């Protein structure tokens, strides 16, 4: 995982890159997590765009941006029911989005 890349993309999406103390977990009836020092949100971890769940959120966000659609043409036709991308394909797209947005 690239924390720098994932942080940049998270903030580009308008979300908080959470800051928390690993030595201060919060336990709830649903499990454990942390409270972000910046936004005060309860969380388990920051975005990791190598995972399918976080990648899907990034992809949905990218489809809302006209300036990013040129990077996504091969996915736009079959987004709802498409065959899942391989890990390698997801990472290529995440890297392409990062490079495009950070230039």
PDB file of N, CA and C in Angstrom:
ATOM      1  N   UNK A   1       0.844  -1.182   0.000  1.00  0.00           N
ATOM      2  CA  UNK A   1       0.000   0.000   0.000  1.00  0.00           C
ATOM      3  C   UNK A   1       0.886   1.239   0.000  1.00  0.00           C
ATOM      4  N   UNK A   2       0.445   2.249  -0.684  1.00  0.00           N
ATOM      5  CA  UNK A   2       1.153   3.514  -0.711  1.00  0.00           C
ATOM      6  C   UNK A   2       0.353   4.530   0.093  1.00  0.00           C
ATOM      7  N   UNK A   3       0.794   4.800   1.319  1.00  0.00           N
ATOM      8  CA  UNK A   3       0.069   5.752   2.157  1.00  0.00           C
ATOM      9  C   UNK A   3       0.010   7.142   1.523  1.00  0.00           C
ATOM     10  N   UNK A   4       1.116   7.564   0.905  1.00  0.00           N
ATOM     11  CA  UNK A   4       1.135   8.891   0.275  1.00  0.00           C
ATOM     12  C   UNK A   4       0.082   8.982  -0.825  1.00  0.00           C
ATOM     13  N   UNK A   5       0.046   7.963  -1.683  1.00  0.00           N
ATOM     14  CA  UNK A   5      -0.924   7.931  -2.776  1.00  0.00           C
ATOM     15  C   UNK A   5      -2.349   7.856  -2.235  1.00  0.00           C
ATOM     16  N   UNK A   6      -2.589   6.959  -1.298  1.00  0.00           N
ATOM     17  CA  UNK A   6      -3.934   6.784  -0.760  1.00  0.00           C
ATOM     18  C   UNK A   6      -4.402   8.030  -0.005  1.00  0.00           C
ATOM     19  N   UNK A   7      -3.487   8.683   0.686  1.00  0.00           N
ATOM     20  CA  UNK A   7      -3.833   9.930   1.388  1.00  0.00           C
ATOM     21  C   UNK A   7      -4.221  11.009   0.364  1.00  0.00           C
ATOM     22  N   UNK A   8      -3.410  11.159  -0.671  1.00  0.00           N
ATOM     23  CA  UNK A   8      -3.684  12.170  -1.690  1.00  0.00           C
ATOM     24  C   UNK A   8      -5.045  11.929  -2.336  1.00  0.00           C
ATOM     25  N   UNK A   9      -5.316  10.688  -2.725  1.00  0.00           N
ATOM     26  CA  UNK A   9      -6.590  10.376  -3.373  1.00  0.00           C
ATOM     27  C   UNK A   9      -7.768  10.555  -2.415  1.00  0.00           C
ATOM     28  N   UNK A  10      -7.603  10.169  -1.164  1.00  0.00           N
ATOM     29  CA  UNK A  10      -8.661  10.353  -0.162  1.00  0.00           C
ATOM     30  C   UNK A  10      -9.001  11.825  -0.028  1.00  0.00           C
ATOM     31  N   UNK A  11      -7.994  12.657   0.101  1.00  0.00           N
ATOM     32  CA  UNK A  11      -8.225  14.099   0.242  1.00  0.00           C
ATOM     33  C   UNK A  11      -8.768  14.696  -1.047  1.00  0.00           C
ATOM     34  N   UNK A  12      -8.370  14.174  -2.207  1.00  0.00           N
ATOM     35  CA  UNK A  12      -8.924  14.637  -3.484  1.00  0.00           C
ATOM     36  C   UNK A  12     -10.415  14.350  -3.568  1.00  0.00           C
ATOM     37  N   UNK A  13     -10.836  13.256  -2.933  1.00  0.00           N
ATOM     38  CA  UNK A  13     -12.247  12.887  -2.908  1.00  0.00           C
ATOM     39  C   UNK A  13     -13.033  13.739  -1.903  1.00  0.00           C
ATOM     40  N   UNK A  14     -12.337  14.599  -1.168  1.00  0.00           N
ATOM     41  CA  UNK A  14     -12.992  15.447  -0.172  1.00  0.00           C
ATOM     42  C   UNK A  14     -13.202  14.751   1.162  1.00  0.00           C
ATOM     43  N   UNK A  15     -12.497  13.666   1.386  1.00  0.00           N
ATOM     44  CA  UNK A  15     -12.613  12.921   2.631  1.00  0.00           C
ATOM     45  C   UNK A  15     -11.431  13.206   3.542  1.00  0.00           C
ATOM     46  N   UNK A  16     -11.585  12.869   4.800  1.00  0.00           N
ATOM     47  CA  UNK A  16     -10.535  13.064   5.799  1.00  0.00           C
ATOM     48  C   UNK A  16      -9.545  11.909   5.749  1.00  0.00           C
ATOM     49  N   UNK A  17      -8.251  12.234   5.733  1.00  0.00           N
ATOM     50  CA  UNK A  17      -7.231  11.220   5.981  1.00  0.00           C
ATOM     51  C   UNK A  17      -7.028  11.250   7.491  1.00  0.00           C
ATOM     52  N   UNK A  18      -7.557  10.247   8.140  1.00  0.00           N
ATOM     53  CA  UNK A  18      -7.672  10.251   9.589  1.00  0.00           C
ATOM     54  C   UNK A  18      -6.324  10.170  10.293  1.00  0.00           C
ATOM     55  N   UNK A  19      -6.259  10.902  11.393  1.00  0.00           N
ATOM     56  CA  UNK A  19      -5.108  10.844  12.289  1.00  0.00           C
ATOM     57  C   UNK A  19      -5.603  10.273  13.602  1.00  0.00           C
ATOM     58  N   UNK A  20      -4.949   9.221  14.075  1.00  0.00           N
ATOM     59  CA  UNK A  20      -5.394   8.573  15.304  1.00  0.00           C
ATOM     60  C   UNK A  20      -4.214   7.934  16.019  1.00  0.00           C
ATOM     61  N   UNK A  21      -4.409   7.658  17.295  1.00  0.00           N
ATOM     62  CA  UNK A  21      -3.383   7.087  18.148  1.00  0.00           C
ATOM     63  C   UNK A  21      -3.613   5.580  18.254  1.00  0.00           C
ATOM     64  N   UNK A  22      -2.689   4.795  17.723  1.00  0.00           N
ATOM     65  CA  UNK A  22      -2.816   3.339  17.775  1.00  0.00           C
ATOM     66  C   UNK A  22      -2.826   2.809  19.211  1.00  0.00           C
ATOM     67  N   UNK A  23      -2.335   3.608  20.132  1.00  0.00           N
ATOM     68  CA  UNK A  23      -2.303   3.204  21.535  1.00  0.00           C
ATOM     69  C   UNK A  23      -3.564   3.593  22.293  1.00  0.00           C
ATOM     70  N   UNK A  24      -4.545   4.154  21.584  1.00  0.00           N
ATOM     71  CA  UNK A  24      -5.779   4.592  22.239  1.00  0.00           C
ATOM     72  C   UNK A  24      -7.006   4.055  21.499  1.00  0.00           C
ATOM     73  N   UNK A  25      -7.141   2.727  21.427  1.00  0.00           N
ATOM     74  CA  UNK A  25      -8.313   2.176  20.735  1.00  0.00           C
ATOM     75  C   UNK A  25      -9.596   2.433  21.526  1.00  0.00           C
ATOM     76  N   UNK A  26     -10.693   2.461  20.805  1.00  0.00           N
ATOM     77  CA  UNK A  26     -12.019   2.626  21.399  1.00  0.00           C
ATOM     78  C   UNK A  26     -12.767   1.321  21.150  1.00  0.00           C
ATOM     79  N   UNK A  27     -13.310   0.747  22.196  1.00  0.00           N
ATOM     80  CA  UNK A  27     -14.058  -0.495  22.062  1.00  0.00           C
ATOM     81  C   UNK A  27     -15.542  -0.201  22.148  1.00  0.00           C
ATOM     82  N   UNK A  28     -16.294  -0.773  21.215  1.00  0.00           N
ATOM     83  CA  UNK A  28     -17.745  -0.621  21.216  1.00  0.00           C
ATOM     84  C   UNK A  28     -18.362  -2.010  21.173  1.00  0.00           C
ATOM     85  N   UNK A  29     -19.664  -2.071  21.223  1.00  0.00           N
ATOM     86  CA  UNK A  29     -20.330  -3.376  21.153  1.00  0.00           C
ATOM     87  C   UNK A  29     -20.138  -4.029  19.788  1.00  0.00           C
ATOM     88  N   UNK A  30     -19.759  -3.262  18.780  1.00  0.00           N
ATOM     89  CA  UNK A  30     -19.554  -3.800  17.434  1.00  0.00           C
ATOM     90  C   UNK A  30     -18.086  -4.078  17.139  1.00  0.00           C
ATOM     91  N   UNK A  31     -17.224  -3.847  18.088  1.00  0.00           N
ATOM     92  CA  UNK A  31     -15.807  -4.085  17.863  1.00  0.00           C
ATOM     93  C   UNK A  31     -14.974  -2.884  18.246  1.00  0.00           C
ATOM     94  N   UNK A  32     -13.743  -2.884  17.792  1.00  0.00           N
ATOM     95  CA  UNK A  32     -12.826  -1.820  18.154  1.00  0.00           C
ATOM     96  C   UNK A  32     -12.467  -0.931  16.988  1.00  0.00           C
ATOM     97  N   UNK A  33     -11.974   0.230  17.319  1.00  0.00           N
ATOM     98  CA  UNK A  33     -11.551   1.192  16.311  1.00  0.00           C
ATOM     99  C   UNK A  33     -10.874   2.362  16.985  1.00  0.00           C
ATOM    100  N   UNK A  34     -10.877   3.471  16.316  1.00  0.00           N
ATOM    101  CA  UNK A  34     -10.203   4.669  16.805  1.00  0.00           C
ATOM    102  C   UNK A  34     -11.076   5.881  16.517  1.00  0.00           C
ATOM    103  N   UNK A  35     -10.741   7.005  17.149  1.00  0.00           N
ATOM    104  CA  UNK A  35     -11.418   8.265  16.877  1.00  0.00           C
ATOM    105  C   UNK A  35     -10.390   9.191  16.240  1.00  0.00           C
ATOM    106  N   UNK A  36     -10.750   9.741  15.089  1.00  0.00           N
ATOM    107  CA  UNK A  36      -9.851  10.649  14.361  1.00  0.00           C
ATOM    108  C   UNK A  36      -9.679  11.938  15.143  1.00  0.00           C
ATOM    109  N   UNK A  37      -8.437  12.378  15.251  1.00  0.00           N
ATOM    110  CA  UNK A  37      -8.150  13.647  15.941  1.00  0.00           C
ATOM    111  C   UNK A  37      -8.660  14.860  15.173  1.00  0.00           C
ATOM    112  N   UNK A  38      -8.796  14.728  13.844  1.00  0.00           N
ATOM    113  CA  UNK A  38      -9.218  15.875  13.022  1.00  0.00           C
ATOM    114  C   UNK A  38     -10.729  15.980  12.904  1.00  0.00           C
ATOM    115  N   UNK A  39     -11.385  14.898  12.486  1.00  0.00           N
ATOM    116  CA  UNK A  39     -12.821  14.974  12.207  1.00  0.00           C
ATOM    117  C   UNK A  39     -13.676  14.361  13.313  1.00  0.00           C
ATOM    118  N   UNK A  40     -13.041  13.708  14.274  1.00  0.00           N
ATOM    119  CA  UNK A  40     -13.713  13.078  15.417  1.00  0.00           C
ATOM    120  C   UNK A  40     -14.588  11.892  15.022  1.00  0.00           C
ATOM    121  N   UNK A  41     -14.424  11.374  13.812  1.00  0.00           N
ATOM    122  CA  UNK A  41     -15.186  10.225  13.338  1.00  0.00           C
ATOM    123  C   UNK A  41     -14.598   8.932  13.908  1.00  0.00           C
ATOM    124  N   UNK A  42     -15.472   7.976  14.208  1.00  0.00           N
ATOM    125  CA  UNK A  42     -15.029   6.638  14.622  1.00  0.00           C
ATOM    126  C   UNK A  42     -14.600   5.879  13.372  1.00  0.00           C
ATOM    127  N   UNK A  43     -13.461   5.214  13.418  1.00  0.00           N
ATOM    128  CA  UNK A  43     -12.954   4.530  12.239  1.00  0.00           C
ATOM    129  C   UNK A  43     -12.189   3.282  12.621  1.00  0.00           C
ATOM    130  N   UNK A  44     -11.977   2.443  11.641  1.00  0.00           N
ATOM    131  CA  UNK A  44     -11.152   1.261  11.815  1.00  0.00           C
ATOM    132  C   UNK A  44      -9.798   1.489  11.140  1.00  0.00           C
ATOM    133  N   UNK A  45      -9.826   2.131   9.961  1.00  0.00           N
ATOM    134  CA  UNK A  45      -8.585   2.422   9.240  1.00  0.00           C
ATOM    135  C   UNK A  45      -8.847   3.490   8.188  1.00  0.00           C
ATOM    136  N   UNK A  46      -7.783   3.968   7.596  1.00  0.00           N
ATOM    137  CA  UNK A  46      -7.888   4.890   6.475  1.00  0.00           C
ATOM    138  C   UNK A  46      -8.165   4.101   5.194  1.00  0.00           C
ATOM    139  N   UNK A  47      -8.465   4.824   4.121  1.00  0.00           N
ATOM    140  CA  UNK A  47      -8.685   4.179   2.827  1.00  0.00           C
ATOM    141  C   UNK A  47      -7.436   3.426   2.398  1.00  0.00           C
ATOM    142  N   UNK A  48      -7.662   2.267   1.825  1.00  0.00           N
ATOM    143  CA  UNK A  48      -6.612   1.457   1.215  1.00  0.00           C
ATOM    144  C   UNK A  48      -7.149   1.052  -0.149  1.00  0.00           C
ATOM    145  N   UNK A  49      -6.761   1.780  -1.183  1.00  0.00           N
ATOM    146  CA  UNK A  49      -7.338   1.587  -2.503  1.00  0.00           C
ATOM    147  C   UNK A  49      -6.892   0.295  -3.186  1.00  0.00           C
ATOM    148  N   UNK A  50      -6.083  -0.508  -2.510  1.00  0.00           N
ATOM    149  CA  UNK A  50      -5.778  -1.830  -3.040  1.00  0.00           C
ATOM    150  C   UNK A  50      -6.877  -2.830  -2.682  1.00  0.00           C
ATOM    151  N   UNK A  51      -7.788  -2.442  -1.784  1.00  0.00           N
ATOM    152  CA  UNK A  51      -8.914  -3.318  -1.438  1.00  0.00           C
ATOM    153  C   UNK A  51     -10.078  -3.040  -2.381  1.00  0.00           C
ATOM    154  N   UNK A  52     -10.893  -4.053  -2.623  1.00  0.00           N
ATOM    155  CA  UNK A  52     -12.020  -3.889  -3.540  1.00  0.00           C
ATOM    156  C   UNK A  52     -13.011  -2.848  -3.039  1.00  0.00           C
ATOM    157  N   UNK A  53     -13.301  -2.855  -1.752  1.00  0.00           N
ATOM    158  CA  UNK A  53     -14.295  -1.925  -1.200  1.00  0.00           C
ATOM    159  C   UNK A  53     -13.870  -0.466  -1.389  1.00  0.00           C
ATOM    160  N   UNK A  54     -12.660  -0.132  -0.984  1.00  0.00           N
ATOM    161  CA  UNK A  54     -12.199   1.251  -1.123  1.00  0.00           C
ATOM    162  C   UNK A  54     -11.994   1.612  -2.587  1.00  0.00           C
ATOM    163  N   UNK A  55     -11.519   0.664  -3.394  1.00  0.00           N
ATOM    164  CA  UNK A  55     -11.355   0.917  -4.821  1.00  0.00           C
ATOM    165  C   UNK A  55     -12.692   1.271  -5.470  1.00  0.00           C
ATOM    166  N   UNK A  56     -13.759   0.545  -5.131  1.00  0.00           N
ATOM    167  CA  UNK A  56     -15.079   0.814  -5.712  1.00  0.00           C
ATOM    168  C   UNK A  56     -15.535   2.238  -5.390  1.00  0.00           C
ATOM    169  N   UNK A  57     -15.296   2.696  -4.175  1.00  0.00           N
ATOM    170  CA  UNK A  57     -15.665   4.071  -3.818  1.00  0.00           C
ATOM    171  C   UNK A  57     -14.860   5.078  -4.629  1.00  0.00           C
ATOM    172  N   UNK A  58     -13.579   4.820  -4.813  1.00  0.00           N
ATOM    173  CA  UNK A  58     -12.734   5.690  -5.632  1.00  0.00           C
ATOM    174  C   UNK A  58     -13.233   5.709  -7.071  1.00  0.00           C
ATOM    175  N   UNK A  59     -13.585   4.551  -7.598  1.00  0.00           N
ATOM    176  CA  UNK A  59     -14.055   4.457  -8.977  1.00  0.00           C
ATOM    177  C   UNK A  59     -15.378   5.204  -9.164  1.00  0.00           C
ATOM    178  N   UNK A  60     -16.302   5.044  -8.226  1.00  0.00           N
ATOM    179  CA  UNK A  60     -17.583   5.777  -8.320  1.00  0.00           C
ATOM    180  C   UNK A  60     -17.327   7.289  -8.298  1.00  0.00           C
ATOM    181  N   UNK A  61     -16.432   7.735  -7.425  1.00  0.00           N
ATOM    182  CA  UNK A  61     -16.097   9.161  -7.353  1.00  0.00           C
ATOM    183  C   UNK A  61     -15.464   9.627  -8.671  1.00  0.00           C
ATOM    184  N   UNK A  62     -14.531   8.842  -9.211  1.00  0.00           N
ATOM    185  CA  UNK A  62     -13.852   9.226 -10.453  1.00  0.00           C
ATOM    186  C   UNK A  62     -14.849   9.382 -11.594  1.00  0.00           C
ATOM    187  N   UNK A  63     -15.892   8.565 -11.619  1.00  0.00           N
ATOM    188  CA  UNK A  63     -16.904   8.650 -12.678  1.00  0.00           C
ATOM    189  C   UNK A  63     -17.734   9.927 -12.582  1.00  0.00           C
ATOM    190  N   UNK A  64     -17.702  10.613 -11.444  1.00  0.00           N
ATOM    191  CA  UNK A  64     -18.437  11.881 -11.310  1.00  0.00           C
ATOM    192  C   UNK A  64     -17.623  13.062 -11.823  1.00  0.00           C
ATOM    193  N   UNK A  65     -16.358  12.842 -12.120  1.00  0.00           N
ATOM    194  CA  UNK A  65     -15.457  13.913 -12.540  1.00  0.00           C
ATOM    195  C   UNK A  65     -15.207  13.840 -14.038  1.00  0.00           C
ATOM    196  N   UNK A  66     -15.658  14.856 -14.760  1.00  0.00           N
ATOM    197  CA  UNK A  66     -15.489  14.883 -16.216  1.00  0.00           C
ATOM    198  C   UNK A  66     -14.010  14.806 -16.607  1.00  0.00           C
ATOM    199  N   UNK A  67     -13.127  15.440 -15.821  1.00  0.00           N
ATOM    200  CA  UNK A  67     -11.708  15.441 -16.162  1.00  0.00           C
ATOM    201  C   UNK A  67     -11.042  14.079 -15.968  1.00  0.00           C
ATOM    202  N   UNK A  68     -11.703  13.164 -15.284  1.00  0.00           N
ATOM    203  CA  UNK A  68     -11.122  11.839 -15.060  1.00  0.00           C
ATOM    204  C   UNK A  68     -11.712  10.765 -15.955  1.00  0.00           C
ATOM    205  N   UNK A  69     -12.813  11.065 -16.592  1.00  0.00           N
ATOM    206  CA  UNK A  69     -13.503  10.048 -17.395  1.00  0.00           C
ATOM    207  C   UNK A  69     -12.639   9.489 -18.516  1.00  0.00           C
ATOM    208  N   UNK A  70     -11.701  10.284 -19.020  1.00  0.00           N
ATOM    209  CA  UNK A  70     -10.841   9.790 -20.098  1.00  0.00           C
ATOM    210  C   UNK A  70      -9.958   8.637 -19.620  1.00  0.00           C
ATOM    211  N   UNK A  71      -9.735   8.535 -18.330  1.00  0.00           N
ATOM    212  CA  UNK A  71      -8.946   7.432 -17.779  1.00  0.00           C
ATOM    213  C   UNK A  71      -9.779   6.172 -17.582  1.00  0.00           C
ATOM    214  N   UNK A  72     -11.114   6.294 -17.695  1.00  0.00           N
ATOM    215  CA  UNK A  72     -12.002   5.200 -17.339  1.00  0.00           C
ATOM    216  C   UNK A  72     -12.822   4.613 -18.478  1.00  0.00           C
ATOM    217  N   UNK A  73     -12.540   4.879 -19.755  1.00  0.00           N
ATOM    218  CA  UNK A  73     -13.466   4.457 -20.807  1.00  0.00           C
ATOM    219  C   UNK A  73     -13.722   2.959 -20.870  1.00  0.00           C
ATOM    220  N   UNK A  74     -12.753   2.159 -20.538  1.00  0.00           N
ATOM    221  CA  UNK A  74     -12.950   0.719 -20.645  1.00  0.00           C
ATOM    222  C   UNK A  74     -13.865   0.170 -19.555  1.00  0.00           C
ATOM    223  N   UNK A  75     -14.168   0.973 -18.554  1.00  0.00           N
ATOM    224  CA  UNK A  75     -15.028   0.518 -17.469  1.00  0.00           C
ATOM    225  C   UNK A  75     -16.428   1.104 -17.536  1.00  0.00           C
ATOM    226  N   UNK A  76     -16.586   2.220 -18.221  1.00  0.00           N
ATOM    227  CA  UNK A  76     -17.832   2.963 -18.134  1.00  0.00           C
ATOM    228  C   UNK A  76     -19.047   2.212 -18.666  1.00  0.00           C
ATOM    229  N   UNK A  77     -18.879   1.310 -19.623  1.00  0.00           N
ATOM    230  CA  UNK A  77     -20.019   0.617 -20.206  1.00  0.00           C
ATOM    231  C   UNK A  77     -20.594  -0.460 -19.296  1.00  0.00           C
ATOM    232  N   UNK A  78     -19.778  -1.040 -18.452  1.00  0.00           N
ATOM    233  CA  UNK A  78     -20.261  -2.184 -17.683  1.00  0.00           C
ATOM    234  C   UNK A  78     -20.052  -2.025 -16.186  1.00  0.00           C
ATOM    235  N   UNK A  79     -20.073  -0.816 -15.679  1.00  0.00           N
ATOM    236  CA  UNK A  79     -19.838  -0.574 -14.262  1.00  0.00           C
ATOM    237  C   UNK A  79     -20.765  -1.366 -13.338  1.00  0.00           C
ATOM    238  N   UNK A  80     -22.092  -1.331 -13.500  1.00  0.00           N
ATOM    239  CA  UNK A  80     -22.950  -1.997 -12.518  1.00  0.00           C
ATOM    240  C   UNK A  80     -22.716  -3.498 -12.369  1.00  0.00           C
ATOM    241  N   UNK A  81     -22.609  -4.240 -13.451  1.00  0.00           N
ATOM    242  CA  UNK A  81     -22.500  -5.683 -13.332  1.00  0.00           C
ATOM    243  C   UNK A  81     -21.222  -6.246 -13.894  1.00  0.00           C
ATOM    244  N   UNK A  82     -20.202  -5.446 -13.965  1.00  0.00           N
ATOM    245  CA  UNK A  82     -18.980  -5.889 -14.620  1.00  0.00           C
ATOM    246  C   UNK A  82     -18.241  -6.959 -13.822  1.00  0.00           C
ATOM    247  N   UNK A  83     -17.421  -7.692 -14.514  1.00  0.00           N
ATOM    248  CA  UNK A  83     -16.542  -8.668 -13.881  1.00  0.00           C
ATOM    249  C   UNK A  83     -15.530  -7.890 -13.035  1.00  0.00           C
ATOM    250  N   UNK A  84     -15.285  -8.332 -11.812  1.00  0.00           N
ATOM    251  CA  UNK A  84     -14.322  -7.604 -10.960  1.00  0.00           C
ATOM    252  C   UNK A  84     -12.946  -7.513 -11.622  1.00  0.00           C
ATOM    253  N   UNK A  85     -12.308  -6.385 -11.451  1.00  0.00           N
ATOM    254  CA  UNK A  85     -10.954  -6.212 -11.969  1.00  0.00           C
ATOM    255  C   UNK A  85      -9.978  -7.011 -11.114  1.00  0.00           C
ATOM    256  N   UNK A  86      -8.921  -7.429 -11.716  1.00  0.00           N
ATOM    257  CA  UNK A  86      -7.866  -8.101 -10.952  1.00  0.00           C
ATOM    258  C   UNK A  86      -7.167  -7.067 -10.079  1.00  0.00           C
ATOM    259  N   UNK A  87      -6.447  -7.550  -9.103  1.00  0.00           N
ATOM    260  CA  UNK A  87      -5.683  -6.649  -8.226  1.00  0.00           C
ATOM    261  C   UNK A  87      -4.733  -5.792  -9.066  1.00  0.00           C
ATOM    262  N   UNK A  88      -4.065  -6.390 -10.022  1.00  0.00           N
ATOM    263  CA  UNK A  88      -3.114  -5.661 -10.881  1.00  0.00           C
ATOM    264  C   UNK A  88      -3.819  -4.548 -11.658  1.00  0.00           C
ATOM    265  N   UNK A  89      -5.007  -4.847 -12.215  1.00  0.00           N
ATOM    266  CA  UNK A  89      -5.763  -3.838 -12.972  1.00  0.00           C
ATOM    267  C   UNK A  89      -6.214  -2.703 -12.060  1.00  0.00           C
ATOM    268  N   UNK A  90      -6.659  -3.047 -10.861  1.00  0.00           N
ATOM    269  CA  UNK A  90      -7.066  -1.999  -9.909  1.00  0.00           C
ATOM    270  C   UNK A  90      -5.890  -1.095  -9.575  1.00  0.00           C
ATOM    271  N   UNK A  91      -4.737  -1.682  -9.325  1.00  0.00           N
ATOM    272  CA  UNK A  91      -3.569  -0.888  -8.935  1.00  0.00           C
ATOM    273  C   UNK A  91      -3.084  -0.002 -10.077  1.00  0.00           C
ATOM    274  N   UNK A  92      -3.188  -0.495 -11.328  1.00  0.00           N
ATOM    275  CA  UNK A  92      -2.818   0.345 -12.481  1.00  0.00           C
ATOM    276  C   UNK A  92      -3.731   1.558 -12.564  1.00  0.00           C
ATOM    277  N   UNK A  93      -5.031   1.358 -12.352  1.00  0.00           N
ATOM    278  CA  UNK A  93      -5.981   2.461 -12.427  1.00  0.00           C
ATOM    279  C   UNK A  93      -5.792   3.434 -11.262  1.00  0.00           C
ATOM    280  N   UNK A  94      -5.574   2.922 -10.065  1.00  0.00           N
ATOM    281  CA  UNK A  94      -5.322   3.789  -8.910  1.00  0.00           C
ATOM    282  C   UNK A  94      -4.088   4.646  -9.174  1.00  0.00           C
ATOM    283  N   UNK A  95      -3.030   4.036  -9.675  1.00  0.00           N
ATOM    284  CA  UNK A  95      -1.799   4.782  -9.959  1.00  0.00           C
ATOM    285  C   UNK A  95      -2.023   5.822 -11.048  1.00  0.00           C
ATOM    286  N   UNK A  96      -2.788   5.473 -12.079  1.00  0.00           N
ATOM    287  CA  UNK A  96      -3.072   6.425 -13.156  1.00  0.00           C
ATOM    288  C   UNK A  96      -3.858   7.626 -12.623  1.00  0.00           C
ATOM    289  N   UNK A  97      -4.836   7.382 -11.762  1.00  0.00           N
ATOM    290  CA  UNK A  97      -5.603   8.485 -11.169  1.00  0.00           C
ATOM    291  C   UNK A  97      -4.696   9.369 -10.322  1.00  0.00           C
ATOM    292  N   UNK A  98      -3.849   8.747  -9.530  1.00  0.00           N
ATOM    293  CA  UNK A  98      -2.919   9.505  -8.699  1.00  0.00           C
ATOM    294  C   UNK A  98      -1.986  10.371  -9.535  1.00  0.00           C
ATOM    295  N   UNK A  99      -1.413   9.788 -10.562  1.00  0.00           N
ATOM    296  CA  UNK A  99      -0.482  10.541 -11.414  1.00  0.00           C
ATOM    297  C   UNK A  99      -1.182  11.676 -12.128  1.00  0.00           C
ATOM    298  N   UNK A 100      -2.386  11.440 -12.616  1.00  0.00           N
ATOM    299  CA  UNK A 100      -3.136  12.483 -13.319  1.00  0.00           C
ATOM    300  C   UNK A 100      -3.478  13.631 -12.374  1.00  0.00           C
ATOM    301  N   UNK A 101      -3.972  13.330 -11.197  1.00  0.00           N
ATOM    302  CA  UNK A 101      -4.401  14.368 -10.268  1.00  0.00           C
ATOM    303  C   UNK A 101      -3.247  15.095  -9.583  1.00  0.00           C
ATOM    304  N   UNK A 102      -2.110  14.456  -9.459  1.00  0.00           N
ATOM    305  CA  UNK A 102      -1.003  15.086  -8.724  1.00  0.00           C
ATOM    306  C   UNK A 102      -0.047  15.859  -9.619  1.00  0.00           C
ATOM    307  N   UNK A 103      -0.329  15.904 -10.906  1.00  0.00           N
ATOM    308  CA  UNK A 103       0.589  16.661 -11.786  1.00  0.00           C
ATOM    309  C   UNK A 103       0.320  18.138 -11.746  1.00  0.00           C
TER     310      UNK A 103
END
